Protein backbone atom coordinates (compact mmCIF):
# COMPACT_ATOMS: atom_id res chain seq x y z
CA MET A 1 -2.67 16.12 10.73
CA ALA A 2 -4.46 13.42 8.76
CA ARG A 3 -7.36 11.08 9.42
CA SER A 4 -9.26 8.38 7.56
CA GLU A 5 -11.73 5.64 8.44
CA VAL A 6 -8.79 3.32 9.14
CA CYS A 7 -6.11 5.41 10.82
CA SER A 8 -4.93 8.82 11.93
CA VAL A 9 -1.56 10.56 11.99
CA GLU A 10 -0.55 13.19 14.53
CA TYR A 11 2.78 14.91 15.10
CA CYS A 12 4.17 15.61 18.57
CA PRO A 13 6.61 18.56 18.43
CA GLY A 14 7.86 17.81 21.95
CA SER A 15 9.13 14.34 21.09
CA GLY A 16 9.56 14.84 17.33
CA MET A 17 7.53 11.68 16.79
CA PHE A 18 4.64 10.91 14.47
CA HIS A 19 1.82 8.99 16.15
CA VAL A 20 0.03 6.63 13.77
CA SER A 21 -3.16 5.25 15.30
CA LEU A 22 -4.83 2.13 13.93
CA GLY A 23 -7.89 1.36 16.01
CA MET A 24 -6.73 0.85 19.57
CA PHE A 25 -3.04 0.70 18.61
CA THR A 26 -0.74 3.71 18.33
CA LEU A 27 2.68 3.39 16.73
CA ARG A 28 5.29 6.11 17.08
CA PHE A 29 7.74 6.85 14.28
CA ARG A 30 10.55 9.27 13.64
CA LEU A 31 10.34 10.99 10.24
CA ALA A 32 12.86 8.69 8.50
CA ALA A 33 11.06 5.57 9.75
CA LEU A 34 7.70 6.98 8.64
CA HIS A 35 9.12 7.53 5.14
CA LEU A 36 10.35 3.91 5.08
CA LEU A 37 6.95 2.67 6.23
CA ASN A 38 5.27 4.71 3.49
CA SER A 39 7.67 3.34 0.84
CA THR A 40 7.18 -0.24 2.02
CA LEU A 41 3.38 0.02 2.04
CA ALA A 42 3.39 1.64 -1.42
CA ALA A 43 5.67 -1.11 -2.78
CA GLY A 44 3.39 -3.76 -1.32
CA LEU A 45 0.34 -2.21 -2.95
CA GLU A 46 2.12 -1.96 -6.31
CA ALA A 47 3.18 -5.62 -6.08
CA TYR A 48 -0.40 -6.58 -5.27
CA LYS A 49 -1.74 -4.58 -8.25
CA SER A 50 0.82 -6.23 -10.51
CA HIS A 51 -0.17 -9.66 -9.19
CA LEU A 52 -3.87 -8.93 -9.85
CA SER A 53 -3.10 -7.61 -13.32
CA THR A 54 -1.12 -10.77 -14.15
CA ARG A 55 -3.93 -13.00 -12.90
CA LEU A 56 -6.56 -11.11 -14.90
CA THR A 57 -4.45 -11.15 -18.07
CA SER A 58 -3.77 -14.89 -17.80
CA ALA A 59 -7.51 -15.59 -17.31
CA ILE A 60 -8.40 -14.05 -20.69
CA PRO A 61 -8.12 -16.57 -23.55
CA GLN A 62 -5.50 -15.58 -26.10
CA GLN A 63 -6.26 -15.74 -29.81
CA HIS A 64 -3.75 -16.80 -32.48
CA PRO A 65 -3.54 -14.82 -35.72
CA GLU A 66 -5.19 -17.84 -37.43
CA GLY A 67 -8.23 -17.30 -35.23
CA THR A 68 -7.93 -20.34 -32.97
CA LEU A 69 -8.11 -20.06 -29.22
CA HIS A 70 -5.72 -21.80 -26.86
């Protein structure tokens, strides 16, 4: 169904399970669990992006209207 350099996803109609392979590991998920995994991974990536954005913003010196840095 889908494949990347990191993982692949296959669907088994007989068992109704999605097989997610990561290297030598294969995890089997029902559809609802796969949706929850997707949501959790997406939330983790968004939190990471927000964390990076906050770190980058705080590293840039801020300038007061009077022109002095602090």
